[in-house]
């Protein structure tokens, strides 16, 4: 059984930075695509970023491109999301997700992922 545990969320002022982490246990995830999604109050969960198993390819939503960076440390079985120049509209619960069964290439789709963490709250004040 795979478990994903997010950490690092919190309250930050607009323009600030925050790094959230996703630690995995139960299986080595070095071969698998990992993604970050977020859900703001009253909104649907949306794609934020994804990274391939080797880390050689990364993908971002247009809304975070140039401000957020996804990375992974396979030795630690951990994925990170570095968030810079944060905006109030980045306020959301951030979830990490793992694709372990079959990857069709739709890294932006929630349906692509098989395991999810419980989420970590990120709040950006104006």
Protein backbone atom coordinates (compact mmCIF):
# COMPACT_ATOMS: atom_id res chain seq x y z
CA UNK A 1 0.00 0.00 0.00
CA UNK A 2 1.37 3.37 -1.01
CA UNK A 3 1.02 6.33 1.29
CA UNK A 4 1.67 9.92 0.31
CA UNK A 5 2.09 12.54 3.01
CA UNK A 6 2.28 16.23 2.19
CA UNK A 7 3.90 18.79 4.45
CA UNK A 8 5.20 22.34 4.37
CA UNK A 9 2.00 24.26 3.86
CA UNK A 10 1.23 27.39 5.82
CA UNK A 11 0.45 31.08 5.72
CA UNK A 12 2.58 33.41 3.62
CA UNK A 13 2.25 36.95 2.36
CA UNK A 14 1.75 37.70 -1.29
CA UNK A 15 5.07 37.75 -3.10
CA UNK A 16 6.57 35.26 -0.69
CA UNK A 17 7.76 31.70 -1.15
CA UNK A 18 6.88 28.32 0.24
CA UNK A 19 8.00 24.77 -0.44
CA UNK A 20 5.67 21.84 0.03
CA UNK A 21 6.88 18.26 0.15
CA UNK A 22 5.32 14.89 -0.55
CA UNK A 23 6.94 11.88 1.11
CA UNK A 24 6.02 8.46 -0.16
CA UNK A 25 6.13 5.15 1.64
CA UNK A 26 5.20 1.61 0.74
CA UNK A 27 6.84 1.61 -2.69
CA UNK A 28 9.77 3.20 -4.41
CA UNK A 29 8.36 5.81 -6.77
CA UNK A 30 11.43 6.56 -8.84
CA UNK A 31 9.91 5.15 -12.03
CA UNK A 32 6.57 6.89 -11.77
CA UNK A 33 5.03 10.18 -12.75
CA UNK A 34 4.12 12.36 -9.79
CA UNK A 35 1.81 15.33 -9.82
CA UNK A 36 0.63 18.23 -7.72
CA UNK A 37 -2.96 19.43 -7.77
CA UNK A 38 -4.78 22.05 -5.75
CA UNK A 39 -8.32 22.83 -4.71
CA UNK A 40 -9.48 26.26 -3.65
CA UNK A 41 -12.68 26.77 -1.64
CA UNK A 42 -15.72 26.39 -3.84
CA UNK A 43 -13.68 25.31 -6.84
CA UNK A 44 -12.79 22.05 -8.49
CA UNK A 45 -9.41 20.45 -7.99
CA UNK A 46 -6.98 21.55 -10.70
CA UNK A 47 -3.65 20.47 -12.08
CA UNK A 48 -0.58 22.39 -10.93
CA UNK A 49 2.54 20.48 -11.99
CA UNK A 50 3.87 17.03 -12.85
CA UNK A 51 7.25 15.35 -13.14
CA UNK A 52 8.41 12.16 -14.79
CA UNK A 53 10.14 9.38 -12.86
CA UNK A 54 13.64 10.45 -13.78
CA UNK A 55 12.84 14.10 -13.30
CA UNK A 56 13.90 14.86 -16.85
CA UNK A 57 10.51 16.26 -17.86
CA UNK A 58 8.29 18.65 -15.96
CA UNK A 59 4.91 20.14 -16.79
CA UNK A 60 3.08 23.14 -15.38
CA UNK A 61 -0.29 24.78 -15.48
CA UNK A 62 -0.14 28.15 -17.22
CA UNK A 63 -1.19 29.88 -14.01
CA UNK A 64 1.97 28.80 -12.18
CA UNK A 65 4.51 28.57 -15.00
CA UNK A 66 7.61 30.60 -14.19
CA UNK A 67 6.72 30.83 -10.48
CA UNK A 68 6.50 27.19 -9.33
CA UNK A 69 9.08 24.44 -9.70
CA UNK A 70 8.44 20.74 -9.24
CA UNK A 71 11.35 18.47 -8.38
CA UNK A 72 12.01 15.09 -6.85
CA UNK A 73 14.63 13.32 -4.80
CA UNK A 74 14.25 9.65 -5.62
CA UNK A 75 16.76 8.67 -2.95
CA UNK A 76 14.36 10.14 -0.40
CA UNK A 77 11.21 9.04 -2.26
CA UNK A 78 10.04 12.65 -2.04
CA UNK A 79 8.59 15.17 -4.46
CA UNK A 80 8.72 18.92 -3.90
CA UNK A 81 6.86 21.95 -5.13
CA UNK A 82 8.75 25.20 -4.73
CA UNK A 83 6.33 28.11 -4.96
CA UNK A 84 7.70 31.61 -5.51
CA UNK A 85 5.99 34.98 -6.04
CA UNK A 86 2.87 33.60 -4.45
CA UNK A 87 -0.46 35.29 -5.10
CA UNK A 88 -3.68 35.24 -3.07
CA UNK A 89 -5.25 33.18 -5.84
CA UNK A 90 -2.74 30.42 -5.09
CA UNK A 91 -4.58 29.82 -1.81
CA UNK A 92 -5.75 26.21 -1.82
CA UNK A 93 -5.25 22.76 -0.41
CA UNK A 94 -2.35 21.22 -2.30
CA UNK A 95 -2.38 17.50 -3.02
CA UNK A 96 0.32 15.26 -4.39
CA UNK A 97 -0.55 12.25 -6.48
CA UNK A 98 1.22 9.22 -7.92
CA UNK A 99 0.67 7.39 -11.19
CA UNK A 100 1.58 3.77 -10.52
CA UNK A 101 -0.52 1.64 -12.82
CA UNK A 102 -0.66 2.93 -16.36
CA UNK A 103 0.52 6.25 -17.71
CA UNK A 104 -1.34 7.42 -20.81
CA UNK A 105 0.44 10.74 -21.01
CA UNK A 106 -2.38 12.85 -19.57
CA UNK A 107 -0.33 14.22 -16.70
CA UNK A 108 -2.84 17.05 -16.22
CA UNK A 109 -5.80 14.72 -15.57
CA UNK A 110 -6.77 13.58 -12.09
CA UNK A 111 -7.84 10.28 -13.62
CA UNK A 112 -4.20 9.56 -14.47
CA UNK A 113 -3.26 9.18 -10.81
CA UNK A 114 -3.89 6.23 -8.54
CA UNK A 115 -2.79 7.41 -5.12
CA UNK A 116 -3.36 10.73 -3.38
CA UNK A 117 -2.12 12.41 -0.26
CA UNK A 118 -4.36 14.06 2.30
CA UNK A 119 -3.39 17.57 1.25
CA UNK A 120 -1.68 20.53 2.86
CA UNK A 121 -3.19 24.00 3.20
CA UNK A 122 -1.43 26.94 1.58
CA UNK A 123 -2.83 30.37 2.36
CA UNK A 124 -1.51 33.52 0.71
CA UNK A 125 -2.52 36.79 2.30
CA UNK A 126 -2.74 40.02 0.34
